[in-house]
Protein backbone atom coordinates (compact mmCIF):
# COMPACT_ATOMS: atom_id res chain seq x y z
CA MET A 1 9.96 53.69 3.29
CA LEU A 2 12.76 51.17 3.16
CA SER A 3 14.69 50.64 -0.05
CA LYS A 4 15.17 47.22 -1.63
CA ILE A 5 18.01 45.09 -0.39
CA ASN A 6 20.74 44.02 -2.79
CA GLU A 7 23.42 41.35 -2.56
CA ASN A 8 26.22 43.89 -2.10
CA MET A 9 24.80 45.30 1.14
CA THR A 10 26.51 44.22 4.34
CA LEU A 11 24.64 42.19 6.93
CA LYS A 12 25.02 45.17 9.28
CA GLU A 13 23.36 47.52 6.78
CA ILE A 14 20.45 45.11 6.41
CA MET A 15 20.08 44.46 10.14
CA ASP A 16 20.11 48.18 10.89
CA MET A 17 17.15 48.79 8.55
CA ASP A 18 14.51 47.15 10.78
CA ASP A 19 14.17 44.67 13.65
CA LYS A 20 12.24 42.24 11.42
CA LEU A 21 15.19 42.10 9.04
CA PHE A 22 17.56 41.61 11.98
CA GLN A 23 15.42 38.68 13.14
CA GLU A 24 15.37 37.10 9.67
CA ILE A 25 19.16 37.41 9.30
CA SER A 26 19.51 35.71 12.69
CA LYS A 27 17.00 33.00 11.76
CA LEU A 28 18.97 32.21 8.61
CA GLY A 29 21.96 31.42 10.81
CA PHE A 30 24.34 34.12 9.66
CA ASP A 31 27.20 35.07 11.98
CA ILE A 32 25.84 38.43 13.12
CA CYS A 33 28.74 39.19 15.41
CA CYS A 34 31.99 38.71 13.55
CA ALA A 35 30.80 38.56 9.95
CA LYS A 36 28.29 41.40 9.94
CA MET A 37 30.55 43.51 7.71
CA LYS A 38 30.45 40.84 4.99
CA THR A 39 28.12 41.33 2.06
CA LEU A 40 24.92 39.37 1.85
CA LYS A 41 26.29 37.57 -1.21
CA ASP A 42 29.51 36.50 0.54
CA SER A 43 27.60 35.45 3.66
CA CYS A 44 25.23 33.31 1.58
CA LEU A 45 28.11 31.70 -0.28
CA ASP A 46 29.86 30.92 3.03
CA LYS A 47 26.72 29.19 4.35
CA GLY A 48 25.84 27.45 1.10
CA LEU A 49 22.58 29.39 0.77
CA ASN A 50 21.03 30.49 -2.51
CA VAL A 51 21.67 34.24 -2.73
CA GLN A 52 18.57 34.95 -4.82
CA GLU A 53 16.26 33.02 -2.47
CA VAL A 54 17.60 34.88 0.57
CA LEU A 55 17.37 38.19 -1.28
CA ASN A 56 13.77 37.47 -2.28
CA ARG A 57 12.83 36.62 1.32
CA LEU A 58 14.44 39.76 2.74
CA ASN A 59 12.79 41.94 0.10
CA GLU A 60 9.41 40.36 0.88
CA ILE A 61 9.89 41.57 4.44
CA VAL A 62 10.85 45.05 3.16
CA GLU A 63 7.62 45.13 1.11
CA GLU A 64 5.57 44.09 4.15
CA ILE A 65 7.17 46.80 6.30
CA ASN A 66 6.60 49.44 3.61
CA TYR A 67 2.97 48.35 3.18
CA ILE A 68 2.30 48.64 6.92
CA GLU A 69 4.00 52.05 7.06
CA LYS A 70 1.87 53.22 4.12
CA ILE A 71 -1.35 52.16 5.84
CA ILE A 72 -0.32 53.88 9.07
CA ALA A 73 0.57 57.08 7.21
CA GLU A 74 -2.78 57.09 5.38
CA ASN A 75 -4.69 56.79 8.66
CA GLU A 76 -2.92 59.59 10.50
């Protein structure tokens, strides 16, 4: 199970958690090459994005991933 994302995690840490999170970070337009060592909070501030809204969206994805993994584990 994936742990919740917080604003002090780096983009790299978040992207490395799961491909779906990598895709969402890319979709939000973050610089995933040069700025991936920046925290989520700093990256949001640089882009003018609401940190809490981005955090909520990423954690929704974490919950979806964890739910799917739970169902798979129960059916094995």
